[in-house]
Each structure stands twice: as C-alpha cells, then as structure tokens.
C-alpha atoms as a PDB file:
ATOM      1  CA  MET A   1      84.745  89.262  81.403  1.00  0.00           C
ATOM      2  CA  ARG A   2      87.182  91.307  79.313  1.00  0.00           C
ATOM      3  CA  SER A   3      84.969  94.430  79.386  1.00  0.00           C
ATOM      4  CA  THR A   4      84.535  94.093  83.197  1.00  0.00           C
ATOM      5  CA  VAL A   5      88.227  93.786  83.879  1.00  0.00           C
ATOM      6  CA  ARG A   6      88.982  96.583  81.471  1.00  0.00           C
ATOM      7  CA  PHE A   7      86.461  98.786  83.307  1.00  0.00           C
ATOM      8  CA  PHE A   8      88.056  97.997  86.684  1.00  0.00           C
ATOM      9  CA  GLN A   9      91.432  99.285  85.442  1.00  0.00           C
ATOM     10  CA  PHE A  10      90.030 102.761  85.269  1.00  0.00           C
ATOM     11  CA  TYR A  11      87.580 102.668  88.279  1.00  0.00           C
ATOM     12  CA  LYS A  12      88.508 103.207  91.929  1.00  0.00           C
ATOM     13  CA  ILE A  13      87.451  99.973  93.530  1.00  0.00           C
ATOM     14  CA  PRO A  14      85.642 100.542  96.987  1.00  0.00           C
ATOM     15  CA  GLU A  15      87.707  99.373  99.819  1.00  0.00           C
ATOM     16  CA  GLU A  16      85.303  96.642 100.877  1.00  0.00           C
ATOM     17  CA  PHE A  17      85.514  94.972  97.491  1.00  0.00           C
ATOM     18  CA  GLU A  18      89.311  95.364  96.944  1.00  0.00           C
ATOM     19  CA  GLY A  19      90.021  91.870  98.364  1.00  0.00           C
ATOM     20  CA  VAL A  20      87.573  90.054  96.214  1.00  0.00           C
ATOM     21  CA  VAL A  21      88.616  91.840  93.080  1.00  0.00           C
ATOM     22  CA  LEU A  22      92.263  91.514  93.856  1.00  0.00           C
ATOM     23  CA  GLU A  23      91.915  87.662  94.364  1.00  0.00           C
ATOM     24  CA  ARG A  24      89.854  87.290  91.251  1.00  0.00           C
ATOM     25  CA  CYS A  25      92.338  89.290  89.113  1.00  0.00           C
ATOM     26  CA  TYR A  26      95.134  87.214  90.419  1.00  0.00           C
ATOM     27  CA  GLU A  27      93.260  84.018  89.343  1.00  0.00           C
ATOM     28  CA  LEU A  28      92.672  85.582  85.853  1.00  0.00           C
ATOM     29  CA  LEU A  29      96.287  86.611  85.561  1.00  0.00           C
ATOM     30  CA  LYS A  30      97.698  83.205  86.412  1.00  0.00           C
ATOM     31  CA  ASN A  31      95.253  81.440  84.101  1.00  0.00           C
ATOM     32  CA  THR A  32      96.926  80.744  80.815  1.00  0.00           C
ATOM     33  CA  GLU A  33      93.659  79.751  79.284  1.00  0.00           C
ATOM     34  CA  LYS A  34      92.397  83.214  79.543  1.00  0.00           C
ATOM     35  CA  GLY A  35      92.870  85.734  76.770  1.00  0.00           C
ATOM     36  CA  VAL A  36      95.878  88.113  76.621  1.00  0.00           C
ATOM     37  CA  ALA A  37      93.755  91.155  77.105  1.00  0.00           C
ATOM     38  CA  ILE A  38      92.002  89.826  80.182  1.00  0.00           C
ATOM     39  CA  ARG A  39      95.308  89.123  81.679  1.00  0.00           C
ATOM     40  CA  ALA A  40      96.914  92.434  80.833  1.00  0.00           C
ATOM     41  CA  PHE A  41      93.950  94.249  82.183  1.00  0.00           C
ATOM     42  CA  SER A  42      94.273  92.173  85.395  1.00  0.00           C
ATOM     43  CA  ILE A  43      97.835  93.497  85.939  1.00  0.00           C
ATOM     44  CA  ALA A  44      96.542  97.044  85.844  1.00  0.00           C
ATOM     45  CA  VAL A  45      93.782  96.333  88.258  1.00  0.00           C
ATOM     46  CA  ILE A  46      96.069  94.521  90.681  1.00  0.00           C
ATOM     47  CA  TYR A  47      98.547  97.374  90.436  1.00  0.00           C
ATOM     48  CA  ASN A  48      95.938  99.984  91.152  1.00  0.00           C
ATOM     49  CA  ILE A  49      94.625  98.166  94.239  1.00  0.00           C
ATOM     50  CA  SER A  50      98.084  97.368  95.533  1.00  0.00           C
ATOM     51  CA  ALA A  51      99.592 100.915  95.063  1.00  0.00           C
ATOM     52  CA  PRO A  52      99.095 102.112  98.663  1.00  0.00           C
ATOM     53  CA  TYR A  53     100.331  98.700 100.187  1.00  0.00           C
ATOM     54  CA  ASP A  54     104.057  97.899 100.006  1.00  0.00           C
ATOM     55  CA  GLU A  55     103.466  94.204 100.810  1.00  0.00           C
ATOM     56  CA  LEU A  56     100.926  93.930  97.965  1.00  0.00           C
ATOM     57  CA  LYS A  57     103.174  95.628  95.656  1.00  0.00           C
ATOM     58  CA  ASN A  58     105.945  93.145  96.521  1.00  0.00           C
ATOM     59  CA  GLU A  59     103.656  90.291  95.916  1.00  0.00           C
ATOM     60  CA  LEU A  60     102.661  91.650  92.485  1.00  0.00           C
ATOM     61  CA  LYS A  61     106.346  92.087  91.595  1.00  0.00           C
ATOM     62  CA  LEU A  62     106.977  88.410  92.446  1.00  0.00           C
ATOM     63  CA  VAL A  63     104.028  87.204  90.472  1.00  0.00           C
ATOM     64  CA  LEU A  64     105.024  89.308  87.441  1.00  0.00           C
ATOM     65  CA  GLU A  65     108.582  88.071  87.616  1.00  0.00           C
ATOM     66  CA  ASP A  66     107.282  84.508  87.396  1.00  0.00           C
ATOM     67  CA  LEU A  67     104.653  85.231  84.720  1.00  0.00           C
ATOM     68  CA  ASP A  68     104.949  83.314  81.556  1.00  0.00           C
ATOM     69  CA  THR A  69     104.425  85.703  78.567  1.00  0.00           C
ATOM     70  CA  GLU A  70     105.827  83.520  75.955  1.00  0.00           C
ATOM     71  CA  GLY A  71     104.142  84.161  72.475  1.00  0.00           C
ATOM     72  CA  SER A  72     102.396  87.333  73.715  1.00  0.00           C
ATOM     73  CA  PRO A  73     104.083  90.615  72.997  1.00  0.00           C
ATOM     74  CA  GLY A  74     101.258  92.568  74.505  1.00  0.00           C
ATOM     75  CA  LEU A  75     101.280  90.800  77.826  1.00  0.00           C
ATOM     76  CA  PHE A  76     105.243  90.943  77.832  1.00  0.00           C
ATOM     77  CA  GLY A  77     104.977  94.696  77.364  1.00  0.00           C
ATOM     78  CA  ARG A  78     102.415  95.158  80.070  1.00  0.00           C
ATOM     79  CA  LYS A  79     104.491  93.092  82.420  1.00  0.00           C
ATOM     80  CA  ARG A  80     107.600  95.009  81.694  1.00  0.00           C
ATOM     81  CA  ASN A  81     105.959  98.417  82.201  1.00  0.00           C
ATOM     82  CA  TYR A  82     104.414  97.453  85.580  1.00  0.00           C
ATOM     83  CA  LEU A  83     107.718  96.003  86.749  1.00  0.00           C
ATOM     84  CA  LYS A  84     109.367  99.337  86.087  1.00  0.00           C
ATOM     85  CA  LYS A  85     106.583 101.106  88.057  1.00  0.00           C
ATOM     86  CA  LEU A  86     107.231  98.646  90.991  1.00  0.00           C
ATOM     87  CA  LYS A  87     110.936  99.334  91.290  1.00  0.00           C
END
C-alpha cells in the first residue's frame, strides 16, 4: 500500500480515476491505524488531484486543519507544508 500511494504522488492520475483515488486517499489519511508514511503520501496525492479545483482545495484545507498529527513530526511537517501551499 505504501509504495502504491508513494507512486501516485509523482504520477498524473487519469481524470477517470481521480475520484476513486481521491476518495481512497482521504480514507487512508483519516485512518489513524495506517502508518505515517501512507498518510503523508496521501496528502500529496490529494493535493495533486485537487490543485485545479478550488472546492477540492478548500476541502483538503479543512481536513488538514482538523488532522491529528500528535506524536508524528513527519506528518505534522507535511501537513504544515501543504497548508502553506493552500493559502
């Protein structure tokens, strides 16, 4: 799973699969049972898909603001960096 999500952060997702990938990445991001790397890579994938759509960027911003990153400096750093990009 980790390698797949990592790959998607560097790959342009075809438009017909964006919805499915976006939904799955949101599930992974919100799941605190998943590893930090999977959750951090999901942020990048969601951002890349959301970039052309203002409403999706706003949704990502809200999710990131509510995201619990306690105990994870890596996830906190990724969250902070992408919140800066979204402003």
